[in-house]
N, C-alpha and C. Protein backbone atom coordinates (compact mmCIF):
# COMPACT_ATOMS: atom_id res chain seq x y z
N UNK A 1 -1.49 14.70 1.90
CA UNK A 1 -1.09 14.30 0.57
C UNK A 1 -1.55 12.85 0.36
N UNK A 2 -1.91 12.55 -0.86
CA UNK A 2 -2.35 11.20 -1.21
C UNK A 2 -1.31 10.55 -2.11
N UNK A 3 -1.03 9.26 -1.87
CA UNK A 3 -0.14 8.53 -2.76
C UNK A 3 -0.76 7.17 -3.08
N UNK A 4 -0.40 6.64 -4.23
CA UNK A 4 -0.81 5.29 -4.64
C UNK A 4 0.44 4.45 -4.78
N UNK A 5 0.36 3.21 -4.32
CA UNK A 5 1.50 2.29 -4.40
C UNK A 5 1.05 1.05 -5.15
N UNK A 6 1.75 0.74 -6.25
CA UNK A 6 1.45 -0.48 -7.01
C UNK A 6 2.39 -1.58 -6.54
N UNK A 7 1.97 -2.83 -6.76
CA UNK A 7 2.72 -3.99 -6.27
C UNK A 7 2.93 -3.85 -4.76
N UNK A 8 1.86 -3.51 -4.07
CA UNK A 8 1.93 -3.13 -2.66
C UNK A 8 2.36 -4.24 -1.72
N UNK A 9 2.20 -5.48 -2.10
CA UNK A 9 2.58 -6.58 -1.22
C UNK A 9 4.07 -6.91 -1.30
N UNK A 10 4.80 -6.21 -2.14
CA UNK A 10 6.24 -6.42 -2.24
C UNK A 10 6.97 -5.88 -1.03
N UNK A 11 8.19 -6.34 -0.85
CA UNK A 11 8.98 -5.98 0.33
C UNK A 11 9.26 -4.48 0.42
N UNK A 12 9.70 -3.88 -0.68
CA UNK A 12 10.01 -2.45 -0.67
C UNK A 12 8.74 -1.63 -0.54
N UNK A 13 7.69 -2.00 -1.28
CA UNK A 13 6.44 -1.25 -1.23
C UNK A 13 5.85 -1.24 0.18
N UNK A 14 5.97 -2.33 0.90
CA UNK A 14 5.45 -2.37 2.27
C UNK A 14 6.17 -1.36 3.15
N UNK A 15 7.47 -1.20 2.94
CA UNK A 15 8.24 -0.22 3.72
C UNK A 15 7.86 1.21 3.33
N UNK A 16 7.63 1.42 2.03
CA UNK A 16 7.20 2.74 1.56
C UNK A 16 5.84 3.10 2.15
N UNK A 17 4.93 2.15 2.15
CA UNK A 17 3.59 2.38 2.70
C UNK A 17 3.66 2.72 4.18
N UNK A 18 4.42 1.95 4.94
CA UNK A 18 4.54 2.20 6.38
C UNK A 18 5.12 3.59 6.64
N UNK A 19 6.16 3.95 5.91
CA UNK A 19 6.78 5.27 6.09
C UNK A 19 5.80 6.39 5.73
N UNK A 20 5.07 6.22 4.64
CA UNK A 20 4.11 7.23 4.22
C UNK A 20 3.00 7.41 5.26
N UNK A 21 2.50 6.30 5.79
CA UNK A 21 1.46 6.39 6.81
C UNK A 21 1.99 7.04 8.08
N UNK A 22 3.23 6.71 8.45
CA UNK A 22 3.84 7.33 9.63
C UNK A 22 3.96 8.84 9.47
N UNK A 23 4.14 9.28 8.22
CA UNK A 23 4.28 10.72 7.95
C UNK A 23 2.93 11.40 7.73
N UNK A 24 1.84 10.64 7.81
CA UNK A 24 0.52 11.23 7.74
C UNK A 24 -0.10 11.27 6.35
N UNK A 25 0.50 10.59 5.38
CA UNK A 25 -0.06 10.56 4.03
C UNK A 25 -1.24 9.60 3.96
N UNK A 26 -2.12 9.84 3.01
CA UNK A 26 -3.22 8.93 2.72
C UNK A 26 -2.74 7.99 1.62
N UNK A 27 -2.78 6.67 1.87
CA UNK A 27 -2.19 5.70 0.95
C UNK A 27 -3.26 4.79 0.38
N UNK A 28 -3.22 4.60 -0.93
CA UNK A 28 -4.06 3.62 -1.61
C UNK A 28 -3.10 2.58 -2.19
N UNK A 29 -3.26 1.33 -1.79
CA UNK A 29 -2.36 0.26 -2.21
C UNK A 29 -3.03 -0.64 -3.24
N UNK A 30 -2.28 -1.01 -4.27
CA UNK A 30 -2.77 -1.89 -5.32
C UNK A 30 -1.89 -3.13 -5.36
N UNK A 31 -2.52 -4.31 -5.51
CA UNK A 31 -1.77 -5.55 -5.59
C UNK A 31 -2.55 -6.63 -6.30
N UNK A 32 -1.87 -7.71 -6.65
CA UNK A 32 -2.50 -8.83 -7.35
C UNK A 32 -3.15 -9.83 -6.40
N UNK A 33 -2.67 -9.88 -5.19
CA UNK A 33 -3.13 -10.87 -4.22
C UNK A 33 -4.48 -10.50 -3.62
N UNK A 34 -5.27 -11.52 -3.29
CA UNK A 34 -6.52 -11.27 -2.57
C UNK A 34 -6.25 -10.76 -1.16
N UNK A 35 -5.13 -11.17 -0.59
CA UNK A 35 -4.78 -10.83 0.78
C UNK A 35 -3.98 -9.53 0.83
N UNK A 36 -4.40 -8.62 1.70
CA UNK A 36 -3.67 -7.38 1.92
C UNK A 36 -2.60 -7.64 2.98
N UNK A 37 -1.34 -7.71 2.55
CA UNK A 37 -0.24 -7.97 3.48
C UNK A 37 0.40 -6.67 3.97
N UNK A 38 -0.20 -5.54 3.62
CA UNK A 38 0.35 -4.24 3.99
C UNK A 38 -0.39 -3.68 5.20
N UNK A 39 0.10 -2.55 5.69
CA UNK A 39 -0.57 -1.86 6.80
C UNK A 39 -1.57 -0.85 6.28
N UNK A 40 -1.68 -0.71 4.95
CA UNK A 40 -2.64 0.21 4.35
C UNK A 40 -4.06 -0.31 4.54
N UNK A 41 -4.96 0.59 4.88
CA UNK A 41 -6.35 0.18 5.07
C UNK A 41 -7.10 0.17 3.75
N UNK A 42 -6.63 0.95 2.77
CA UNK A 42 -7.28 1.07 1.47
C UNK A 42 -6.49 0.22 0.46
N UNK A 43 -6.93 -1.01 0.22
CA UNK A 43 -6.24 -1.95 -0.66
C UNK A 43 -7.17 -2.36 -1.80
N UNK A 44 -6.65 -2.32 -3.02
CA UNK A 44 -7.42 -2.68 -4.20
C UNK A 44 -6.72 -3.83 -4.92
N UNK A 45 -7.47 -4.91 -5.17
CA UNK A 45 -6.91 -6.04 -5.92
C UNK A 45 -6.99 -5.72 -7.40
N UNK A 46 -5.82 -5.76 -8.07
CA UNK A 46 -5.79 -5.53 -9.52
C UNK A 46 -6.19 -6.82 -10.22
N UNK A 47 -6.91 -6.67 -11.30
CA UNK A 47 -7.35 -7.84 -12.08
C UNK A 47 -6.44 -8.05 -13.25
């Protein structure tokens, strides 16, 4: 299953991403920051 997480660098979103990856989901993370602070490998900076 694939999921997308917006505001990915937030505290709750980081926990959601980690749990989803642990369960085997494919995660695409979106955030405003240049730096990917999540464990997701697929990170997109929103403009």
